Amino acid sequence: MDTTGYYLPKDAQALVGVSASTLRNYTRDFERWLTTEATTTPRRFSDDDLKLFAFIRYRTAEKLDTIEKVQAALDAGELDAFDWQPPAMATTATEGVEDTGGALVPLESLRLAQSLLVEAQRREADAAGENAELRQRIEALQKDLGRAEGELAAVKAGRYRAPRWWRAVFGGRED
């Protein structure tokens, strides 16, 4: 954090957990929701900007939502319900680590990880249900295919076939 109360891009990247290119993309794609300082040079980000980036990262994690879906969620006001605060930055340059209040990881990072885990578990349960439905559909299709193959074999077996001598004298297929 600089002396004006804003975060520099490298600090924002570290706090939100995104790369420099991802931060640039977020800044470009979500410009209308950012503060003026975040969209002008030199870029500086407020706590609200970081909360927006964390929301975007949460919603787009593992390609769950598209940029358009996140923008629609922002228009719907879902950012207000998103509970995220930037973790505290180190107070001195010699410490080189964040003050986590005695925790091994920042609480906000833990909350983000937990919310991602819950979402992943929900998607996994949905996928398992869909998988079971698809397996049932495959079994039904295989039964239908077996029945159709049996009917085809019966039709082929029931066709009249001229005797061999008839085919030899008058011609015909050798099937």
N, C-alpha and C. Protein backbone atom coordinates (compact mmCIF):
# COMPACT_ATOMS: atom_id res chain seq x y z
N MET A 1 0.86 -1.17 0.00
CA MET A 1 0.00 0.00 0.00
C MET A 1 0.90 1.23 0.00
N ASP A 2 0.57 2.20 -0.84
CA ASP A 2 1.37 3.42 -0.85
C ASP A 2 0.85 4.37 0.23
N THR A 3 1.47 5.52 0.34
CA THR A 3 1.13 6.46 1.43
C THR A 3 -0.23 7.11 1.27
N THR A 4 -0.84 7.02 0.09
CA THR A 4 -2.16 7.64 -0.12
C THR A 4 -3.31 6.71 0.21
N GLY A 5 -3.03 5.49 0.65
CA GLY A 5 -4.09 4.55 1.00
C GLY A 5 -4.52 3.67 -0.15
N TYR A 6 -3.80 3.72 -1.24
CA TYR A 6 -4.10 2.88 -2.39
C TYR A 6 -3.04 1.80 -2.54
N TYR A 7 -3.41 0.74 -3.23
CA TYR A 7 -2.50 -0.37 -3.47
C TYR A 7 -1.88 -0.23 -4.86
N LEU A 8 -0.61 -0.52 -4.93
CA LEU A 8 0.06 -0.56 -6.23
C LEU A 8 -0.33 -1.86 -6.93
N PRO A 9 -0.17 -1.92 -8.26
CA PRO A 9 -0.57 -3.15 -8.98
C PRO A 9 0.07 -4.42 -8.43
N LYS A 10 1.35 -4.37 -8.07
CA LYS A 10 2.00 -5.60 -7.57
C LYS A 10 1.41 -6.00 -6.21
N ASP A 11 1.03 -5.04 -5.39
CA ASP A 11 0.39 -5.35 -4.12
C ASP A 11 -1.01 -5.94 -4.35
N ALA A 12 -1.74 -5.36 -5.30
CA ALA A 12 -3.07 -5.86 -5.62
C ALA A 12 -3.00 -7.30 -6.12
N GLN A 13 -2.01 -7.58 -6.95
CA GLN A 13 -1.83 -8.95 -7.46
C GLN A 13 -1.61 -9.93 -6.31
N ALA A 14 -0.75 -9.54 -5.38
CA ALA A 14 -0.42 -10.42 -4.25
C ALA A 14 -1.63 -10.63 -3.34
N LEU A 15 -2.38 -9.57 -3.08
CA LEU A 15 -3.51 -9.67 -2.16
C LEU A 15 -4.68 -10.45 -2.75
N VAL A 16 -4.91 -10.29 -4.04
CA VAL A 16 -6.04 -10.97 -4.67
C VAL A 16 -5.63 -12.34 -5.17
N GLY A 17 -4.34 -12.51 -5.46
CA GLY A 17 -3.86 -13.81 -5.93
C GLY A 17 -4.01 -14.00 -7.42
N VAL A 18 -3.74 -12.95 -8.19
CA VAL A 18 -3.82 -13.04 -9.65
C VAL A 18 -2.51 -12.58 -10.26
N SER A 19 -2.30 -12.90 -11.53
CA SER A 19 -1.09 -12.49 -12.23
C SER A 19 -1.25 -11.07 -12.74
N ALA A 20 -0.15 -10.51 -13.21
CA ALA A 20 -0.17 -9.15 -13.75
C ALA A 20 -1.09 -9.06 -14.96
N SER A 21 -1.02 -10.05 -15.83
CA SER A 21 -1.87 -10.02 -17.04
C SER A 21 -3.35 -10.17 -16.68
N THR A 22 -3.64 -11.00 -15.69
CA THR A 22 -5.03 -11.15 -15.25
C THR A 22 -5.55 -9.85 -14.66
N LEU A 23 -4.72 -9.18 -13.87
CA LEU A 23 -5.11 -7.89 -13.30
C LEU A 23 -5.39 -6.87 -14.40
N ARG A 24 -4.53 -6.86 -15.43
CA ARG A 24 -4.76 -5.94 -16.57
C ARG A 24 -6.08 -6.28 -17.26
N ASN A 25 -6.34 -7.58 -17.46
CA ASN A 25 -7.58 -7.99 -18.12
C ASN A 25 -8.80 -7.59 -17.29
N TYR A 26 -8.73 -7.82 -15.98
CA TYR A 26 -9.84 -7.42 -15.10
C TYR A 26 -10.06 -5.91 -15.20
N THR A 27 -8.97 -5.15 -15.19
CA THR A 27 -9.07 -3.69 -15.25
C THR A 27 -9.73 -3.26 -16.55
N ARG A 28 -9.40 -3.93 -17.64
CA ARG A 28 -9.98 -3.59 -18.94
C ARG A 28 -11.46 -4.02 -19.01
N ASP A 29 -11.75 -5.25 -18.60
CA ASP A 29 -13.09 -5.80 -18.76
C ASP A 29 -14.11 -5.24 -17.77
N PHE A 30 -13.64 -4.75 -16.62
CA PHE A 30 -14.55 -4.29 -15.57
C PHE A 30 -14.29 -2.82 -15.22
N GLU A 31 -13.87 -2.05 -16.20
CA GLU A 31 -13.48 -0.66 -15.98
C GLU A 31 -14.60 0.17 -15.36
N ARG A 32 -15.83 -0.06 -15.78
CA ARG A 32 -16.92 0.79 -15.30
C ARG A 32 -17.23 0.60 -13.82
N TRP A 33 -16.78 -0.49 -13.20
CA TRP A 33 -17.01 -0.74 -11.79
C TRP A 33 -15.82 -0.32 -10.92
N LEU A 34 -14.73 0.11 -11.54
CA LEU A 34 -13.51 0.48 -10.81
C LEU A 34 -13.49 1.97 -10.48
N THR A 35 -12.64 2.31 -9.52
CA THR A 35 -12.46 3.72 -9.20
C THR A 35 -11.64 4.39 -10.30
N THR A 36 -11.65 5.69 -10.32
CA THR A 36 -10.91 6.45 -11.33
C THR A 36 -9.42 6.17 -11.23
N GLU A 37 -8.91 6.04 -10.01
CA GLU A 37 -7.48 5.80 -9.82
C GLU A 37 -7.04 4.47 -10.41
N ALA A 38 -7.96 3.50 -10.49
CA ALA A 38 -7.63 2.18 -11.02
C ALA A 38 -7.55 2.18 -12.55
N THR A 39 -8.15 3.18 -13.18
CA THR A 39 -8.21 3.19 -14.64
C THR A 39 -7.31 4.24 -15.26
N THR A 40 -6.57 4.99 -14.44
CA THR A 40 -5.66 6.01 -14.97
C THR A 40 -4.22 5.62 -14.65
N THR A 41 -3.29 6.23 -15.35
CA THR A 41 -1.88 5.94 -15.12
C THR A 41 -1.31 6.98 -14.19
N PRO A 42 -0.54 6.61 -13.20
CA PRO A 42 -0.21 5.25 -12.76
C PRO A 42 -1.41 4.64 -12.04
N ARG A 43 -1.58 3.35 -12.21
CA ARG A 43 -2.72 2.66 -11.61
C ARG A 43 -2.51 2.49 -10.11
N ARG A 44 -3.57 2.78 -9.38
CA ARG A 44 -3.61 2.56 -7.95
C ARG A 44 -4.99 2.02 -7.63
N PHE A 45 -5.05 1.05 -6.72
CA PHE A 45 -6.31 0.36 -6.45
C PHE A 45 -6.75 0.58 -5.02
N SER A 46 -8.04 0.83 -4.84
CA SER A 46 -8.62 0.99 -3.51
C SER A 46 -9.05 -0.36 -2.95
N ASP A 47 -9.50 -0.35 -1.70
CA ASP A 47 -10.03 -1.57 -1.10
C ASP A 47 -11.23 -2.09 -1.90
N ASP A 48 -12.08 -1.17 -2.38
CA ASP A 48 -13.24 -1.57 -3.18
C ASP A 48 -12.81 -2.22 -4.50
N ASP A 49 -11.74 -1.70 -5.10
CA ASP A 49 -11.23 -2.30 -6.34
C ASP A 49 -10.74 -3.72 -6.07
N LEU A 50 -10.05 -3.90 -4.96
CA LEU A 50 -9.55 -5.24 -4.61
C LEU A 50 -10.70 -6.20 -4.34
N LYS A 51 -11.76 -5.70 -3.69
CA LYS A 51 -12.93 -6.54 -3.44
C LYS A 51 -13.56 -6.96 -4.77
N LEU A 52 -13.63 -6.03 -5.72
CA LEU A 52 -14.15 -6.34 -7.05
C LEU A 52 -13.30 -7.42 -7.72
N PHE A 53 -11.98 -7.28 -7.65
CA PHE A 53 -11.08 -8.28 -8.26
C PHE A 53 -11.25 -9.65 -7.60
N ALA A 54 -11.40 -9.65 -6.27
CA ALA A 54 -11.60 -10.92 -5.56
C ALA A 54 -12.93 -11.56 -5.97
N PHE A 55 -13.95 -10.75 -6.15
CA PHE A 55 -15.26 -11.24 -6.60
C PHE A 55 -15.14 -11.86 -7.99
N ILE A 56 -14.46 -11.16 -8.88
CA ILE A 56 -14.28 -11.66 -10.25
C ILE A 56 -13.50 -12.97 -10.22
N ARG A 57 -12.43 -12.99 -9.44
CA ARG A 57 -11.61 -14.21 -9.35
C ARG A 57 -12.45 -15.37 -8.81
N TYR A 58 -13.24 -15.10 -7.79
CA TYR A 58 -14.10 -16.14 -7.21
C TYR A 58 -15.09 -16.66 -8.25
N ARG A 59 -15.74 -15.75 -8.97
CA ARG A 59 -16.77 -16.15 -9.93
C ARG A 59 -16.20 -16.83 -11.18
N THR A 60 -14.98 -16.48 -11.57
CA THR A 60 -14.41 -17.06 -12.78
C THR A 60 -13.47 -18.22 -12.49
N ALA A 61 -13.31 -18.57 -11.22
CA ALA A 61 -12.41 -19.68 -10.86
C ALA A 61 -12.84 -20.93 -11.60
N GLU A 62 -11.89 -21.60 -12.20
CA GLU A 62 -12.11 -22.85 -12.94
C GLU A 62 -13.17 -22.69 -14.02
N LYS A 63 -13.26 -21.50 -14.59
CA LYS A 63 -14.14 -21.22 -15.74
C LYS A 63 -15.61 -21.47 -15.44
N LEU A 64 -16.03 -21.20 -14.20
CA LEU A 64 -17.44 -21.39 -13.84
C LEU A 64 -18.32 -20.35 -14.51
N ASP A 65 -17.88 -19.11 -14.47
CA ASP A 65 -18.66 -18.02 -15.05
C ASP A 65 -17.85 -17.33 -16.13
N THR A 66 -18.53 -16.82 -17.11
CA THR A 66 -17.88 -16.02 -18.15
C THR A 66 -17.82 -14.57 -17.68
N ILE A 67 -17.05 -13.79 -18.37
CA ILE A 67 -16.94 -12.36 -18.05
C ILE A 67 -18.33 -11.72 -18.11
N GLU A 68 -19.12 -12.10 -19.11
CA GLU A 68 -20.46 -11.53 -19.27
C GLU A 68 -21.36 -11.87 -18.08
N LYS A 69 -21.26 -13.10 -17.57
CA LYS A 69 -22.06 -13.50 -16.41
C LYS A 69 -21.64 -12.72 -15.17
N VAL A 70 -20.34 -12.50 -15.00
CA VAL A 70 -19.87 -11.74 -13.85
C VAL A 70 -20.34 -10.29 -13.96
N GLN A 71 -20.28 -9.72 -15.17
CA GLN A 71 -20.76 -8.35 -15.36
C GLN A 71 -22.26 -8.26 -15.05
N ALA A 72 -23.02 -9.26 -15.45
CA ALA A 72 -24.45 -9.27 -15.14
C ALA A 72 -24.66 -9.37 -13.63
N ALA A 73 -23.84 -10.17 -12.96
CA ALA A 73 -23.95 -10.30 -11.50
C ALA A 73 -23.62 -8.96 -10.83
N LEU A 74 -22.64 -8.26 -11.35
CA LEU A 74 -22.29 -6.95 -10.80
C LEU A 74 -23.44 -5.97 -11.01
N ASP A 75 -24.05 -5.99 -12.19
CA ASP A 75 -25.20 -5.12 -12.46
C ASP A 75 -26.35 -5.44 -11.52
N ALA A 76 -26.47 -6.72 -11.13
CA ALA A 76 -27.54 -7.13 -10.23
C ALA A 76 -27.22 -6.80 -8.77
N GLY A 77 -26.03 -6.29 -8.49
CA GLY A 77 -25.67 -5.89 -7.13
C GLY A 77 -25.12 -6.99 -6.26
N GLU A 78 -24.67 -8.09 -6.85
CA GLU A 78 -24.16 -9.21 -6.06
C GLU A 78 -22.84 -8.90 -5.35
N LEU A 79 -22.12 -7.90 -5.81
CA LEU A 79 -20.86 -7.53 -5.16
C LEU A 79 -21.09 -7.08 -3.72
N ASP A 80 -22.23 -6.43 -3.48
CA ASP A 80 -22.53 -5.95 -2.12
C ASP A 80 -22.61 -7.09 -1.12
N ALA A 81 -23.09 -8.25 -1.55
CA ALA A 81 -23.23 -9.40 -0.66
C ALA A 81 -21.94 -10.21 -0.53
N PHE A 82 -20.96 -9.89 -1.35
CA PHE A 82 -19.69 -10.64 -1.33
C PHE A 82 -18.87 -10.18 -0.13
N ASP A 83 -18.54 -11.11 0.76
CA ASP A 83 -17.82 -10.78 1.99
C ASP A 83 -16.32 -11.00 1.78
N TRP A 84 -15.62 -9.91 1.56
CA TRP A 84 -14.18 -9.98 1.36
C TRP A 84 -13.55 -8.67 1.80
N GLN A 85 -12.47 -8.78 2.54
CA GLN A 85 -11.69 -7.62 2.95
C GLN A 85 -10.24 -7.92 2.59
N PRO A 86 -9.49 -6.93 2.12
CA PRO A 86 -8.09 -7.20 1.79
C PRO A 86 -7.31 -7.55 3.05
N PRO A 87 -6.48 -8.59 2.97
CA PRO A 87 -5.65 -8.92 4.13
C PRO A 87 -4.66 -7.80 4.40
N ALA A 88 -4.21 -7.71 5.64
CA ALA A 88 -3.27 -6.65 6.02
C ALA A 88 -1.92 -6.90 5.37
N MET A 89 -1.31 -5.83 4.88
CA MET A 89 0.02 -5.92 4.28
C MET A 89 1.06 -5.80 5.39
N ALA A 90 2.28 -6.22 5.12
CA ALA A 90 3.38 -6.12 6.07
C ALA A 90 3.63 -4.64 6.38
N THR A 91 3.96 -4.35 7.61
CA THR A 91 4.16 -2.95 8.00
C THR A 91 5.57 -2.47 7.75
N THR A 92 6.53 -3.37 7.69
CA THR A 92 7.89 -2.94 7.40
C THR A 92 8.45 -3.77 6.26
N ALA A 93 9.33 -3.19 5.52
CA ALA A 93 9.91 -3.89 4.38
C ALA A 93 10.80 -5.04 4.83
N THR A 94 11.33 -4.98 6.05
CA THR A 94 12.24 -6.04 6.50
C THR A 94 11.48 -7.31 6.88
N GLU A 95 10.19 -7.17 7.25
CA GLU A 95 9.43 -8.36 7.60
C GLU A 95 9.19 -9.22 6.37
N GLY A 96 8.76 -8.61 5.27
CA GLY A 96 8.57 -9.31 4.02
C GLY A 96 7.41 -10.28 4.00
N VAL A 97 6.60 -10.33 5.07
CA VAL A 97 5.44 -11.21 5.09
C VAL A 97 4.26 -10.42 5.62
N GLU A 98 3.08 -10.92 5.33
CA GLU A 98 1.87 -10.26 5.82
C GLU A 98 1.66 -10.55 7.30
N ASP A 99 1.00 -9.62 7.98
CA ASP A 99 0.60 -9.85 9.36
C ASP A 99 -0.72 -10.61 9.31
N THR A 100 -0.71 -11.84 9.73
CA THR A 100 -1.91 -12.68 9.66
C THR A 100 -2.54 -12.86 11.03
N GLY A 101 -2.10 -12.09 11.98
CA GLY A 101 -2.70 -12.18 13.31
C GLY A 101 -2.43 -13.51 13.97
N GLY A 102 -1.29 -14.12 13.70
CA GLY A 102 -0.94 -15.39 14.30
C GLY A 102 -1.43 -16.60 13.50
N ALA A 103 -2.23 -16.35 12.48
CA ALA A 103 -2.73 -17.46 11.65
C ALA A 103 -1.66 -17.87 10.65
N LEU A 104 -1.71 -19.11 10.23
CA LEU A 104 -0.75 -19.59 9.23
C LEU A 104 -1.04 -19.01 7.86
N VAL A 105 -2.32 -18.76 7.56
CA VAL A 105 -2.71 -18.14 6.30
C VAL A 105 -3.69 -17.01 6.61
N PRO A 106 -3.75 -16.00 5.76
CA PRO A 106 -4.72 -14.93 6.00
C PRO A 106 -6.15 -15.48 5.99
N LEU A 107 -6.96 -14.97 6.89
CA LEU A 107 -8.33 -15.42 7.03
C LEU A 107 -9.12 -15.25 5.74
N GLU A 108 -8.90 -14.17 5.03
CA GLU A 108 -9.63 -13.93 3.79
C GLU A 108 -9.25 -14.95 2.73
N SER A 109 -8.00 -15.35 2.70
CA SER A 109 -7.58 -16.39 1.75
C SER A 109 -8.25 -17.71 2.09
N LEU A 110 -8.36 -17.98 3.37
CA LEU A 110 -9.04 -19.21 3.82
C LEU A 110 -10.51 -19.18 3.43
N ARG A 111 -11.16 -18.05 3.63
CA ARG A 111 -12.58 -17.93 3.26
C ARG A 111 -12.77 -18.10 1.76
N LEU A 112 -11.89 -17.50 0.98
CA LEU A 112 -11.97 -17.64 -0.47
C LEU A 112 -11.79 -19.11 -0.87
N ALA A 113 -10.81 -19.77 -0.24
CA ALA A 113 -10.56 -21.18 -0.54
C ALA A 113 -11.76 -22.04 -0.14
N GLN A 114 -12.37 -21.73 1.00
CA GLN A 114 -13.54 -22.49 1.45
C GLN A 114 -14.72 -22.30 0.49
N SER A 115 -14.94 -21.08 0.06
CA SER A 115 -16.05 -20.84 -0.86
C SER A 115 -15.80 -21.53 -2.19
N LEU A 116 -14.55 -21.54 -2.64
CA LEU A 116 -14.21 -22.26 -3.87
C LEU A 116 -14.42 -23.76 -3.70
N LEU A 117 -14.08 -24.28 -2.52
CA LEU A 117 -14.26 -25.71 -2.24
C LEU A 117 -15.74 -26.08 -2.23
N VAL A 118 -16.57 -25.27 -1.59
CA VAL A 118 -18.01 -25.54 -1.55
C VAL A 118 -18.58 -25.53 -2.96
N GLU A 119 -18.17 -24.56 -3.76
CA GLU A 119 -18.65 -24.48 -5.14
C GLU A 119 -18.19 -25.69 -5.94
N ALA A 120 -16.96 -26.12 -5.75
CA ALA A 120 -16.44 -27.30 -6.46
C ALA A 120 -17.19 -28.55 -6.04
N GLN A 121 -17.52 -28.67 -4.76
CA GLN A 121 -18.28 -29.83 -4.29
C GLN A 121 -19.69 -29.85 -4.88
N ARG A 122 -20.29 -28.68 -4.99
CA ARG A 122 -21.62 -28.59 -5.59
C ARG A 122 -21.57 -29.00 -7.07
N ARG A 123 -20.55 -28.51 -7.78
CA ARG A 123 -20.40 -28.88 -9.19
C ARG A 123 -20.14 -30.37 -9.35
N GLU A 124 -19.37 -30.93 -8.42
CA GLU A 124 -19.08 -32.36 -8.48
C GLU A 124 -20.35 -33.19 -8.26
N ALA A 125 -21.19 -32.77 -7.33
CA ALA A 125 -22.45 -33.48 -7.09
C ALA A 125 -23.36 -33.36 -8.31
N ASP A 126 -23.43 -32.18 -8.90
CA ASP A 126 -24.23 -32.00 -10.12
C ASP A 126 -23.72 -32.89 -11.24
N ALA A 127 -22.40 -32.95 -11.39
CA ALA A 127 -21.80 -33.78 -12.45
C ALA A 127 -22.08 -35.26 -12.21
N ALA A 128 -22.05 -35.69 -10.95
CA ALA A 128 -22.34 -37.10 -10.63
C ALA A 128 -23.78 -37.44 -10.99
N GLY A 129 -24.71 -36.55 -10.70
CA GLY A 129 -26.11 -36.78 -11.06
C GLY A 129 -26.29 -36.83 -12.57
N GLU A 130 -25.66 -35.92 -13.26
CA GLU A 130 -25.73 -35.91 -14.72
C GLU A 130 -25.11 -37.17 -15.31
N ASN A 131 -24.00 -37.61 -14.71
CA ASN A 131 -23.32 -38.83 -15.15
C ASN A 131 -24.25 -40.04 -15.01
N ALA A 132 -24.95 -40.14 -13.90
CA ALA A 132 -25.88 -41.26 -13.68
C ALA A 132 -27.01 -41.24 -14.71
N GLU A 133 -27.54 -40.04 -15.00
CA GLU A 133 -28.60 -39.92 -16.01
C GLU A 133 -28.08 -40.35 -17.39
N LEU A 134 -26.88 -39.95 -17.72
CA LEU A 134 -26.31 -40.31 -19.02
C LEU A 134 -26.06 -41.81 -19.11
N ARG A 135 -25.61 -42.42 -18.03
CA ARG A 135 -25.41 -43.87 -18.03
C ARG A 135 -26.73 -44.62 -18.27
N GLN A 136 -27.81 -44.15 -17.63
CA GLN A 136 -29.12 -44.76 -17.83
C GLN A 136 -29.56 -44.61 -19.28
N ARG A 137 -29.32 -43.47 -19.84
CA ARG A 137 -29.68 -43.22 -21.25
C ARG A 137 -28.88 -44.12 -22.18
N ILE A 138 -27.60 -44.30 -21.90
CA ILE A 138 -26.75 -45.19 -22.71
C ILE A 138 -27.26 -46.62 -22.64
N GLU A 139 -27.60 -47.07 -21.44
CA GLU A 139 -28.14 -48.43 -21.28
C GLU A 139 -29.42 -48.61 -22.08
N ALA A 140 -30.32 -47.64 -22.05
CA ALA A 140 -31.57 -47.71 -22.80
C ALA A 140 -31.29 -47.76 -24.31
N LEU A 141 -30.34 -46.94 -24.76
CA LEU A 141 -29.99 -46.94 -26.18
C LEU A 141 -29.35 -48.26 -26.59
N GLN A 142 -28.53 -48.85 -25.72
CA GLN A 142 -27.93 -50.14 -26.05
C GLN A 142 -29.00 -51.23 -26.14
N LYS A 143 -30.00 -51.19 -25.29
CA LYS A 143 -31.11 -52.15 -25.36
C LYS A 143 -31.87 -51.99 -26.68
N ASP A 144 -32.14 -50.73 -27.04
CA ASP A 144 -32.83 -50.47 -28.31
C ASP A 144 -32.01 -50.96 -29.49
N LEU A 145 -30.71 -50.74 -29.45
CA LEU A 145 -29.84 -51.20 -30.52
C LEU A 145 -29.85 -52.72 -30.62
N GLY A 146 -29.76 -53.42 -29.49
CA GLY A 146 -29.80 -54.88 -29.47
C GLY A 146 -31.10 -55.41 -30.06
N ARG A 147 -32.21 -54.77 -29.68
CA ARG A 147 -33.52 -55.17 -30.19
C ARG A 147 -33.59 -54.96 -31.71
N ALA A 148 -33.09 -53.83 -32.20
CA ALA A 148 -33.10 -53.54 -33.64
C ALA A 148 -32.20 -54.52 -34.39
N GLU A 149 -31.04 -54.86 -33.83
CA GLU A 149 -30.16 -55.82 -34.49
C GLU A 149 -30.82 -57.19 -34.56
N GLY A 150 -31.54 -57.59 -33.50
CA GLY A 150 -32.27 -58.86 -33.50
C GLY A 150 -33.35 -58.89 -34.55
N GLU A 151 -34.10 -57.79 -34.67
CA GLU A 151 -35.14 -57.70 -35.68
C GLU A 151 -34.55 -57.79 -37.09
N LEU A 152 -33.42 -57.12 -37.31
CA LEU A 152 -32.76 -57.17 -38.61
C LEU A 152 -32.31 -58.59 -38.93
N ALA A 153 -31.76 -59.28 -37.96
CA ALA A 153 -31.32 -60.66 -38.19
C ALA A 153 -32.52 -61.55 -38.52
N ALA A 154 -33.65 -61.33 -37.87
CA ALA A 154 -34.85 -62.13 -38.15
C ALA A 154 -35.37 -61.86 -39.55
N VAL A 155 -35.33 -60.60 -39.96
CA VAL A 155 -35.78 -60.26 -41.32
C VAL A 155 -34.87 -60.92 -42.34
N LYS A 156 -33.57 -60.85 -42.13
CA LYS A 156 -32.62 -61.46 -43.06
C LYS A 156 -32.81 -62.98 -43.12
N ALA A 157 -33.05 -63.59 -41.98
CA ALA A 157 -33.22 -65.04 -41.94
C ALA A 157 -34.53 -65.46 -42.61
N GLY A 158 -35.54 -64.62 -42.60
CA GLY A 158 -36.84 -64.95 -43.16
C GLY A 158 -36.95 -64.69 -44.65
N ARG A 159 -35.97 -64.09 -45.25
CA ARG A 159 -36.04 -63.82 -46.69
C ARG A 159 -35.91 -65.12 -47.48
N TYR A 160 -36.63 -65.17 -48.60
CA TYR A 160 -36.55 -66.35 -49.48
C TYR A 160 -35.22 -66.32 -50.20
N ARG A 161 -34.60 -67.48 -50.24
CA ARG A 161 -33.35 -67.64 -50.96
C ARG A 161 -33.54 -68.76 -51.98
N ALA A 162 -33.29 -68.46 -53.21
CA ALA A 162 -33.44 -69.48 -54.25
C ALA A 162 -32.41 -70.59 -54.01
N PRO A 163 -32.78 -71.84 -54.37
CA PRO A 163 -31.83 -72.94 -54.18
C PRO A 163 -30.58 -72.72 -55.05
N ARG A 164 -29.52 -73.34 -54.65
CA ARG A 164 -28.23 -73.19 -55.33
C ARG A 164 -28.32 -73.57 -56.82
N TRP A 165 -29.01 -74.69 -57.17
CA TRP A 165 -29.10 -75.10 -58.58
C TRP A 165 -29.82 -74.05 -59.41
N TRP A 166 -30.87 -73.38 -58.78
CA TRP A 166 -31.61 -72.34 -59.49
C TRP A 166 -30.70 -71.16 -59.81
N ARG A 167 -29.91 -70.78 -58.85
CA ARG A 167 -28.98 -69.66 -59.06
C ARG A 167 -27.92 -70.02 -60.09
N ALA A 168 -27.51 -71.32 -60.11
CA ALA A 168 -26.50 -71.75 -61.08
C ALA A 168 -27.06 -71.71 -62.50
N VAL A 169 -28.31 -72.08 -62.67
CA VAL A 169 -28.92 -72.12 -64.01
C VAL A 169 -29.35 -70.74 -64.47
N PHE A 170 -30.03 -70.02 -63.61
CA PHE A 170 -30.62 -68.74 -64.02
C PHE A 170 -29.83 -67.50 -63.54
N GLY A 171 -28.84 -67.73 -62.70
CA GLY A 171 -28.04 -66.62 -62.17
C GLY A 171 -28.68 -66.03 -60.92
N GLY A 172 -27.96 -65.28 -60.28
CA GLY A 172 -28.47 -64.65 -59.06
C GLY A 172 -27.32 -64.39 -58.09
N ARG A 173 -27.65 -63.79 -57.02
CA ARG A 173 -26.61 -63.44 -56.03
C ARG A 173 -26.24 -64.65 -55.20
N GLU A 174 -25.01 -64.61 -54.75
CA GLU A 174 -24.49 -65.71 -53.94
C GLU A 174 -24.63 -65.41 -52.45
N ASP A 175 -25.14 -64.33 -52.04
CA ASP A 175 -25.30 -63.92 -50.63
C ASP A 175 -24.39 -64.69 -49.76
